[in-house]
N, C-alpha and C. Protein backbone atom coordinates (compact mmCIF):
# COMPACT_ATOMS: atom_id res chain seq x y z
N MET A 1 -3.48 19.18 -14.81
CA MET A 1 -3.06 18.99 -13.42
C MET A 1 -1.61 19.45 -13.29
N ASP A 2 -1.34 20.41 -12.44
CA ASP A 2 0.00 20.96 -12.28
C ASP A 2 0.82 20.10 -11.33
N VAL A 3 1.83 19.43 -11.88
CA VAL A 3 2.67 18.56 -11.05
C VAL A 3 4.16 18.88 -11.21
N ASN A 4 4.50 20.09 -11.64
CA ASN A 4 5.90 20.43 -11.89
C ASN A 4 6.79 20.22 -10.68
N TRP A 5 6.36 20.58 -9.50
CA TRP A 5 7.19 20.43 -8.31
C TRP A 5 7.32 18.98 -7.87
N LYS A 6 6.52 18.09 -8.44
CA LYS A 6 6.55 16.68 -8.07
C LYS A 6 7.37 15.84 -9.04
N GLY A 7 7.94 16.45 -10.07
CA GLY A 7 8.58 15.69 -11.12
C GLY A 7 7.57 15.49 -12.23
N SER A 8 8.04 15.26 -13.41
CA SER A 8 7.14 15.20 -14.55
C SER A 8 6.18 14.02 -14.49
N ARG A 9 6.53 12.97 -13.79
CA ARG A 9 5.64 11.79 -13.70
C ARG A 9 5.37 11.39 -12.24
N GLY A 10 5.57 12.31 -11.31
CA GLY A 10 5.30 12.01 -9.91
C GLY A 10 6.41 11.27 -9.21
N GLU A 11 7.65 11.52 -9.63
CA GLU A 11 8.79 10.79 -9.06
C GLU A 11 8.96 11.01 -7.56
N TRP A 12 8.53 12.13 -7.05
CA TRP A 12 8.70 12.40 -5.62
C TRP A 12 7.95 11.38 -4.77
N TYR A 13 6.88 10.80 -5.32
CA TYR A 13 6.17 9.75 -4.59
C TYR A 13 7.10 8.57 -4.31
N LEU A 14 7.95 8.24 -5.28
CA LEU A 14 8.88 7.11 -5.09
C LEU A 14 9.90 7.42 -4.01
N VAL A 15 10.34 8.66 -3.95
CA VAL A 15 11.32 9.05 -2.93
C VAL A 15 10.71 8.91 -1.54
N VAL A 16 9.51 9.44 -1.35
CA VAL A 16 8.84 9.34 -0.05
C VAL A 16 8.56 7.88 0.29
N GLN A 17 8.09 7.12 -0.70
CA GLN A 17 7.80 5.70 -0.49
C GLN A 17 9.06 4.96 -0.05
N ALA A 18 10.19 5.20 -0.69
CA ALA A 18 11.44 4.55 -0.31
C ALA A 18 11.84 4.93 1.11
N MET A 19 11.66 6.20 1.46
CA MET A 19 12.00 6.63 2.82
C MET A 19 11.13 5.91 3.85
N LEU A 20 9.86 5.74 3.56
CA LEU A 20 8.98 5.02 4.49
C LEU A 20 9.36 3.55 4.59
N PHE A 21 9.76 2.93 3.49
CA PHE A 21 10.21 1.54 3.53
C PHE A 21 11.46 1.40 4.40
N VAL A 22 12.40 2.33 4.24
CA VAL A 22 13.62 2.30 5.06
C VAL A 22 13.26 2.47 6.53
N LEU A 23 12.37 3.40 6.83
CA LEU A 23 11.92 3.60 8.22
C LEU A 23 11.30 2.33 8.79
N LEU A 24 10.45 1.69 8.02
CA LEU A 24 9.80 0.45 8.46
C LEU A 24 10.82 -0.64 8.77
N LEU A 25 11.78 -0.80 7.89
CA LEU A 25 12.72 -1.92 8.03
C LEU A 25 13.89 -1.63 8.96
N PHE A 26 14.34 -0.37 9.00
CA PHE A 26 15.57 -0.08 9.73
C PHE A 26 15.42 0.99 10.80
N GLY A 27 14.22 1.58 10.91
CA GLY A 27 14.00 2.61 11.92
C GLY A 27 13.93 2.02 13.32
N PRO A 28 13.93 2.88 14.31
CA PRO A 28 13.83 2.36 15.69
C PRO A 28 12.52 1.60 15.88
N ASP A 29 12.58 0.54 16.67
CA ASP A 29 11.37 -0.25 16.91
C ASP A 29 10.84 -0.11 18.33
N SER A 30 11.55 0.65 19.15
CA SER A 30 11.06 0.88 20.52
C SER A 30 11.62 2.20 21.04
N CYS A 31 10.98 2.68 22.08
CA CYS A 31 11.48 3.86 22.78
C CYS A 31 11.03 3.74 24.24
N GLN A 32 11.68 4.48 25.10
CA GLN A 32 11.44 4.28 26.53
C GLN A 32 10.06 4.75 26.99
N TRP A 33 9.38 5.62 26.25
CA TRP A 33 8.07 6.09 26.70
C TRP A 33 6.92 5.22 26.21
N LEU A 34 7.23 4.14 25.46
CA LEU A 34 6.21 3.18 25.05
C LEU A 34 6.44 1.86 25.77
N ASP A 35 5.40 1.34 26.39
CA ASP A 35 5.53 0.07 27.09
C ASP A 35 5.78 -1.07 26.10
N GLU A 36 6.58 -2.03 26.55
CA GLU A 36 6.79 -3.22 25.72
C GLU A 36 5.56 -4.10 25.80
N TRP A 37 5.37 -4.89 24.76
CA TRP A 37 4.22 -5.79 24.71
C TRP A 37 4.42 -6.90 25.74
N GLN A 38 3.35 -7.31 26.36
CA GLN A 38 3.38 -8.37 27.36
C GLN A 38 2.64 -9.60 26.85
N SER A 39 2.95 -10.73 27.41
CA SER A 39 2.26 -11.98 27.08
C SER A 39 0.80 -11.85 27.52
N PRO A 40 -0.16 -12.31 26.80
CA PRO A 40 -0.13 -13.12 25.58
C PRO A 40 -0.07 -12.30 24.30
N PHE A 41 0.01 -10.97 24.41
CA PHE A 41 -0.02 -10.12 23.22
C PHE A 41 1.20 -10.30 22.33
N THR A 42 2.33 -10.67 22.91
CA THR A 42 3.52 -10.91 22.08
C THR A 42 3.27 -12.11 21.17
N TRP A 43 2.70 -13.16 21.72
CA TRP A 43 2.42 -14.36 20.94
C TRP A 43 1.33 -14.09 19.91
N ILE A 44 0.26 -13.44 20.32
CA ILE A 44 -0.85 -13.12 19.40
C ILE A 44 -0.35 -12.19 18.30
N GLY A 45 0.42 -11.18 18.67
CA GLY A 45 0.97 -10.26 17.67
C GLY A 45 1.85 -10.96 16.66
N SER A 46 2.67 -11.87 17.14
CA SER A 46 3.56 -12.59 16.22
C SER A 46 2.77 -13.45 15.24
N TRP A 47 1.77 -14.15 15.71
CA TRP A 47 0.95 -14.98 14.82
C TRP A 47 0.14 -14.12 13.85
N ALA A 48 -0.50 -13.08 14.37
CA ALA A 48 -1.27 -12.18 13.50
C ALA A 48 -0.35 -11.49 12.50
N GLY A 49 0.82 -11.10 12.96
CA GLY A 49 1.80 -10.46 12.08
C GLY A 49 2.25 -11.39 10.97
N GLY A 50 2.54 -12.63 11.31
CA GLY A 50 2.93 -13.60 10.30
C GLY A 50 1.84 -13.82 9.26
N PHE A 51 0.59 -13.88 9.74
CA PHE A 51 -0.55 -14.04 8.83
C PHE A 51 -0.65 -12.84 7.88
N LEU A 52 -0.57 -11.61 8.44
CA LEU A 52 -0.66 -10.41 7.60
C LEU A 52 0.51 -10.32 6.62
N LEU A 53 1.70 -10.70 7.06
CA LEU A 53 2.85 -10.70 6.15
C LEU A 53 2.59 -11.62 4.96
N CYS A 54 2.11 -12.83 5.23
CA CYS A 54 1.83 -13.79 4.15
C CYS A 54 0.70 -13.33 3.24
N MET A 55 -0.41 -12.88 3.83
CA MET A 55 -1.56 -12.44 3.04
C MET A 55 -1.21 -11.19 2.22
N GLY A 56 -0.46 -10.29 2.82
CA GLY A 56 -0.05 -9.09 2.10
C GLY A 56 0.85 -9.42 0.93
N ALA A 57 1.78 -10.34 1.14
CA ALA A 57 2.68 -10.74 0.05
C ALA A 57 1.89 -11.39 -1.09
N LEU A 58 0.90 -12.21 -0.74
CA LEU A 58 0.06 -12.83 -1.77
C LEU A 58 -0.73 -11.78 -2.55
N LEU A 59 -1.36 -10.86 -1.83
CA LEU A 59 -2.17 -9.84 -2.49
C LEU A 59 -1.30 -8.96 -3.39
N ALA A 60 -0.17 -8.49 -2.88
CA ALA A 60 0.72 -7.66 -3.70
C ALA A 60 1.27 -8.45 -4.88
N GLY A 61 1.61 -9.70 -4.65
CA GLY A 61 2.13 -10.55 -5.72
C GLY A 61 1.12 -10.77 -6.82
N PHE A 62 -0.12 -11.13 -6.44
CA PHE A 62 -1.16 -11.33 -7.45
C PHE A 62 -1.50 -10.01 -8.16
N GLY A 63 -1.50 -8.90 -7.41
CA GLY A 63 -1.74 -7.61 -8.04
C GLY A 63 -0.68 -7.29 -9.08
N THR A 64 0.57 -7.60 -8.76
CA THR A 64 1.67 -7.36 -9.70
C THR A 64 1.50 -8.23 -10.94
N LEU A 65 1.19 -9.51 -10.73
CA LEU A 65 1.00 -10.41 -11.87
C LEU A 65 -0.19 -9.98 -12.73
N ASN A 66 -1.30 -9.60 -12.09
CA ASN A 66 -2.49 -9.19 -12.83
C ASN A 66 -2.25 -7.92 -13.62
N LEU A 67 -1.43 -7.03 -13.10
CA LEU A 67 -1.17 -5.77 -13.79
C LEU A 67 -0.29 -5.98 -15.02
N GLY A 68 0.59 -6.96 -14.94
CA GLY A 68 1.42 -7.32 -16.10
C GLY A 68 2.23 -6.16 -16.64
N ARG A 69 2.12 -5.92 -17.95
CA ARG A 69 2.90 -4.87 -18.62
C ARG A 69 2.47 -3.46 -18.24
N ASN A 70 1.35 -3.33 -17.57
CA ASN A 70 0.89 -2.02 -17.11
C ASN A 70 1.65 -1.55 -15.88
N LEU A 71 2.42 -2.43 -15.26
CA LEU A 71 3.10 -2.12 -14.00
C LEU A 71 4.10 -0.99 -14.17
N THR A 72 3.99 -0.01 -13.29
CA THR A 72 4.94 1.09 -13.21
C THR A 72 4.98 1.57 -11.77
N PRO A 73 6.14 1.93 -11.26
CA PRO A 73 6.19 2.44 -9.88
C PRO A 73 5.66 3.86 -9.77
N LEU A 74 5.53 4.54 -10.90
CA LEU A 74 5.07 5.92 -10.91
C LEU A 74 3.55 5.98 -10.92
N PRO A 75 2.98 7.05 -10.39
CA PRO A 75 1.52 7.14 -10.37
C PRO A 75 0.90 7.34 -11.75
N PHE A 76 1.67 7.83 -12.72
CA PHE A 76 1.14 8.02 -14.06
C PHE A 76 1.02 6.69 -14.78
N PRO A 77 -0.15 6.40 -15.36
CA PRO A 77 -0.27 5.15 -16.12
C PRO A 77 0.59 5.21 -17.38
N LYS A 78 1.04 4.05 -17.83
CA LYS A 78 1.83 3.99 -19.05
C LYS A 78 0.97 4.45 -20.23
N GLU A 79 1.65 4.88 -21.29
CA GLU A 79 0.96 5.43 -22.45
C GLU A 79 -0.04 4.44 -23.06
N HIS A 80 0.35 3.19 -23.19
CA HIS A 80 -0.51 2.20 -23.84
C HIS A 80 -1.15 1.25 -22.81
N ALA A 81 -1.33 1.74 -21.60
CA ALA A 81 -1.90 0.91 -20.53
C ALA A 81 -3.37 0.58 -20.81
N GLN A 82 -3.78 -0.53 -20.23
CA GLN A 82 -5.18 -0.94 -20.28
C GLN A 82 -5.68 -1.03 -18.84
N LEU A 83 -6.95 -0.74 -18.65
CA LEU A 83 -7.54 -0.84 -17.32
C LEU A 83 -7.67 -2.31 -16.93
N VAL A 84 -7.15 -2.64 -15.75
CA VAL A 84 -7.23 -4.01 -15.23
C VAL A 84 -8.24 -4.00 -14.09
N SER A 85 -9.26 -4.84 -14.21
CA SER A 85 -10.27 -4.93 -13.15
C SER A 85 -10.60 -6.39 -12.83
N THR A 86 -9.69 -7.29 -13.18
CA THR A 86 -9.87 -8.71 -12.91
C THR A 86 -8.79 -9.18 -11.93
N GLY A 87 -8.88 -10.43 -11.52
CA GLY A 87 -7.91 -10.97 -10.58
C GLY A 87 -8.02 -10.26 -9.25
N ALA A 88 -6.89 -9.87 -8.69
CA ALA A 88 -6.88 -9.17 -7.39
C ALA A 88 -7.61 -7.84 -7.48
N TYR A 89 -7.66 -7.27 -8.68
CA TYR A 89 -8.31 -5.97 -8.88
C TYR A 89 -9.84 -6.06 -8.81
N ARG A 90 -10.39 -7.26 -8.71
CA ARG A 90 -11.84 -7.41 -8.46
C ARG A 90 -12.17 -7.11 -7.00
N PHE A 91 -11.19 -7.25 -6.11
CA PHE A 91 -11.42 -7.11 -4.67
C PHE A 91 -11.00 -5.76 -4.12
N VAL A 92 -10.01 -5.14 -4.75
CA VAL A 92 -9.48 -3.85 -4.27
C VAL A 92 -8.82 -3.16 -5.46
N ARG A 93 -8.98 -1.83 -5.54
CA ARG A 93 -8.46 -1.09 -6.70
C ARG A 93 -6.94 -1.00 -6.72
N HIS A 94 -6.31 -1.10 -5.56
CA HIS A 94 -4.85 -0.99 -5.48
C HIS A 94 -4.29 -2.16 -4.67
N PRO A 95 -4.35 -3.38 -5.21
CA PRO A 95 -3.91 -4.54 -4.42
C PRO A 95 -2.43 -4.54 -4.07
N ILE A 96 -1.60 -3.93 -4.88
CA ILE A 96 -0.17 -3.88 -4.54
C ILE A 96 0.01 -3.00 -3.30
N TYR A 97 -0.60 -1.84 -3.30
CA TYR A 97 -0.52 -0.97 -2.12
C TYR A 97 -1.14 -1.65 -0.91
N SER A 98 -2.29 -2.29 -1.12
CA SER A 98 -2.96 -2.98 -0.01
C SER A 98 -2.08 -4.07 0.58
N GLY A 99 -1.44 -4.83 -0.30
CA GLY A 99 -0.56 -5.89 0.16
C GLY A 99 0.63 -5.35 0.93
N ILE A 100 1.20 -4.26 0.44
CA ILE A 100 2.35 -3.67 1.13
C ILE A 100 1.92 -3.12 2.49
N ILE A 101 0.75 -2.51 2.56
CA ILE A 101 0.23 -2.01 3.83
C ILE A 101 0.02 -3.16 4.80
N ALA A 102 -0.57 -4.26 4.34
CA ALA A 102 -0.78 -5.43 5.20
C ALA A 102 0.56 -5.98 5.69
N MET A 103 1.55 -6.03 4.80
CA MET A 103 2.87 -6.51 5.21
C MET A 103 3.50 -5.57 6.24
N ALA A 104 3.30 -4.27 6.07
CA ALA A 104 3.86 -3.30 7.03
C ALA A 104 3.24 -3.49 8.41
N TYR A 105 1.91 -3.63 8.46
CA TYR A 105 1.26 -3.89 9.75
C TYR A 105 1.69 -5.25 10.30
N GLY A 106 1.81 -6.23 9.40
CA GLY A 106 2.27 -7.54 9.83
C GLY A 106 3.67 -7.49 10.43
N TRP A 107 4.53 -6.69 9.83
CA TRP A 107 5.90 -6.54 10.35
C TRP A 107 5.87 -5.92 11.74
N GLY A 108 5.03 -4.90 11.92
CA GLY A 108 4.91 -4.27 13.24
C GLY A 108 4.41 -5.23 14.30
N LEU A 109 3.41 -6.04 13.94
CA LEU A 109 2.88 -7.03 14.89
C LEU A 109 3.90 -8.14 15.14
N TRP A 110 4.53 -8.60 14.08
CA TRP A 110 5.54 -9.66 14.20
C TRP A 110 6.66 -9.25 15.15
N ARG A 111 7.07 -7.97 15.02
CA ARG A 111 8.14 -7.45 15.87
C ARG A 111 7.63 -6.97 17.23
N ASN A 112 6.32 -7.04 17.45
CA ASN A 112 5.70 -6.56 18.69
C ASN A 112 6.12 -5.12 18.98
N SER A 113 5.96 -4.27 17.99
CA SER A 113 6.46 -2.90 18.08
C SER A 113 5.37 -1.88 17.80
N TRP A 114 5.12 -1.03 18.78
CA TRP A 114 4.18 0.07 18.59
C TRP A 114 4.71 1.05 17.54
N LEU A 115 6.02 1.31 17.56
CA LEU A 115 6.60 2.26 16.61
C LEU A 115 6.47 1.77 15.16
N ILE A 116 6.79 0.52 14.92
CA ILE A 116 6.68 0.00 13.56
C ILE A 116 5.22 -0.01 13.12
N THR A 117 4.32 -0.31 14.02
CA THR A 117 2.89 -0.25 13.69
C THR A 117 2.49 1.19 13.34
N GLY A 118 3.08 2.15 14.03
CA GLY A 118 2.86 3.56 13.70
C GLY A 118 3.42 3.92 12.33
N TYR A 119 4.58 3.37 11.99
CA TYR A 119 5.15 3.60 10.67
C TYR A 119 4.23 3.02 9.59
N ALA A 120 3.61 1.88 9.91
CA ALA A 120 2.66 1.28 8.96
C ALA A 120 1.47 2.22 8.74
N LEU A 121 1.03 2.89 9.79
CA LEU A 121 -0.05 3.86 9.64
C LEU A 121 0.38 5.00 8.72
N LEU A 122 1.62 5.48 8.87
CA LEU A 122 2.14 6.51 7.97
C LEU A 122 2.15 6.02 6.52
N LEU A 123 2.53 4.77 6.33
CA LEU A 123 2.54 4.20 4.98
C LEU A 123 1.12 4.12 4.42
N PHE A 124 0.16 3.75 5.26
CA PHE A 124 -1.24 3.69 4.83
C PHE A 124 -1.69 5.08 4.37
N ILE A 125 -1.40 6.11 5.16
CA ILE A 125 -1.78 7.48 4.81
C ILE A 125 -1.11 7.89 3.51
N PHE A 126 0.17 7.56 3.37
CA PHE A 126 0.90 7.90 2.14
C PHE A 126 0.25 7.23 0.93
N PHE A 127 -0.03 5.92 1.02
CA PHE A 127 -0.63 5.22 -0.12
C PHE A 127 -2.04 5.73 -0.41
N ASP A 128 -2.76 6.19 0.60
CA ASP A 128 -4.07 6.78 0.38
C ASP A 128 -3.91 8.06 -0.46
N ILE A 129 -2.94 8.88 -0.12
CA ILE A 129 -2.69 10.12 -0.86
C ILE A 129 -2.20 9.80 -2.28
N LYS A 130 -1.25 8.88 -2.40
CA LYS A 130 -0.71 8.53 -3.71
C LYS A 130 -1.80 7.93 -4.60
N SER A 131 -2.64 7.08 -4.03
CA SER A 131 -3.69 6.45 -4.84
C SER A 131 -4.75 7.47 -5.26
N ARG A 132 -5.01 8.47 -4.42
CA ARG A 132 -5.95 9.54 -4.79
C ARG A 132 -5.45 10.26 -6.04
N PHE A 133 -4.16 10.61 -6.04
CA PHE A 133 -3.56 11.27 -7.20
C PHE A 133 -3.61 10.36 -8.42
N GLU A 134 -3.23 9.11 -8.21
CA GLU A 134 -3.22 8.13 -9.29
C GLU A 134 -4.61 7.93 -9.89
N GLU A 135 -5.62 7.93 -9.04
CA GLU A 135 -6.98 7.71 -9.52
C GLU A 135 -7.49 8.89 -10.35
N CYS A 136 -7.04 10.09 -10.07
CA CYS A 136 -7.39 11.23 -10.94
C CYS A 136 -6.85 10.99 -12.35
N LEU A 137 -5.62 10.51 -12.41
CA LEU A 137 -5.00 10.24 -13.71
C LEU A 137 -5.68 9.07 -14.42
N LEU A 138 -6.02 8.03 -13.66
CA LEU A 138 -6.70 6.88 -14.25
C LEU A 138 -8.08 7.26 -14.76
N GLY A 139 -8.76 8.12 -14.02
CA GLY A 139 -10.08 8.59 -14.45
C GLY A 139 -10.01 9.38 -15.74
N GLU A 140 -8.93 10.14 -15.92
CA GLU A 140 -8.74 10.89 -17.17
C GLU A 140 -8.44 9.96 -18.34
N LYS A 141 -7.69 8.90 -18.07
CA LYS A 141 -7.27 7.99 -19.14
C LYS A 141 -8.35 6.98 -19.51
N PHE A 142 -9.10 6.51 -18.51
CA PHE A 142 -10.10 5.46 -18.74
C PHE A 142 -11.49 5.96 -18.35
N PRO A 143 -12.37 6.21 -19.31
CA PRO A 143 -13.71 6.69 -18.99
C PRO A 143 -14.50 5.72 -18.08
N GLU A 144 -14.22 4.44 -18.17
CA GLU A 144 -14.93 3.43 -17.38
C GLU A 144 -14.43 3.33 -15.93
N TYR A 145 -13.40 4.13 -15.59
CA TYR A 145 -12.82 4.04 -14.25
C TYR A 145 -13.80 4.48 -13.17
N ALA A 146 -14.65 5.45 -13.45
CA ALA A 146 -15.62 5.93 -12.46
C ALA A 146 -16.56 4.81 -12.02
N ALA A 147 -17.02 4.00 -12.95
CA ALA A 147 -17.89 2.87 -12.60
C ALA A 147 -17.13 1.84 -11.78
N TYR A 148 -15.87 1.61 -12.13
CA TYR A 148 -15.02 0.68 -11.38
C TYR A 148 -14.83 1.17 -9.95
N GLN A 149 -14.62 2.48 -9.77
CA GLN A 149 -14.47 3.05 -8.43
C GLN A 149 -15.71 2.83 -7.58
N LYS A 150 -16.86 2.89 -8.18
CA LYS A 150 -18.11 2.69 -7.43
C LYS A 150 -18.29 1.23 -7.00
N ARG A 151 -17.76 0.31 -7.79
CA ARG A 151 -17.92 -1.12 -7.52
C ARG A 151 -16.90 -1.69 -6.54
N VAL A 152 -15.68 -1.18 -6.59
CA VAL A 152 -14.56 -1.82 -5.88
C VAL A 152 -13.93 -0.82 -4.91
N ARG A 153 -13.63 -1.27 -3.69
CA ARG A 153 -13.01 -0.42 -2.66
C ARG A 153 -11.55 -0.12 -3.01
N LYS A 154 -11.03 0.94 -2.41
CA LYS A 154 -9.71 1.46 -2.80
C LYS A 154 -8.54 0.68 -2.20
N LEU A 155 -8.44 0.59 -0.88
CA LEU A 155 -7.23 0.04 -0.25
C LEU A 155 -7.46 -1.15 0.68
N ILE A 156 -8.63 -1.24 1.25
CA ILE A 156 -8.93 -2.36 2.15
C ILE A 156 -10.09 -3.13 1.52
N PRO A 157 -9.83 -4.35 1.05
CA PRO A 157 -10.90 -5.09 0.36
C PRO A 157 -12.22 -5.08 1.13
N PHE A 158 -13.28 -4.72 0.43
CA PHE A 158 -14.66 -4.71 0.91
C PHE A 158 -14.95 -3.62 1.97
N LEU A 159 -13.93 -2.87 2.44
CA LEU A 159 -14.14 -1.89 3.49
C LEU A 159 -13.83 -0.46 3.07
N TYR A 160 -12.62 -0.22 2.55
CA TYR A 160 -12.21 1.15 2.22
C TYR A 160 -11.44 1.20 0.93
């Protein structure tokens, strides 16, 4: 797999990921051509956002704990990594990404912001692309990964 322009271990993914995180947290949250949220949607959005923030943090946290020493921010698995398919990984193949996506959508709802919700969509698309690349590498490293892919959804538990 030719990845020379991406860095030897896919470092460019981290750069894009960091830029999206900065956009989510510090980017504009409104503009004049988008209507502001009205009641009761502000209240519903805030509650739903808070729920997604908490659930996303739990999912990402458990995914991090379950991954243990295999954890790396780069898409390339560590040299002595083992395939993890227990804990949060029983429900979704990329629980850390899933949790971060849920938190991003939660942040957009919490802030009642169409723009931040749009940034969350960009983050979802990015993690879908990054996980696709990562799964090619995991499939090469772990022969049993193909069976795991058939059993467990990629980014949205039980759905996608």
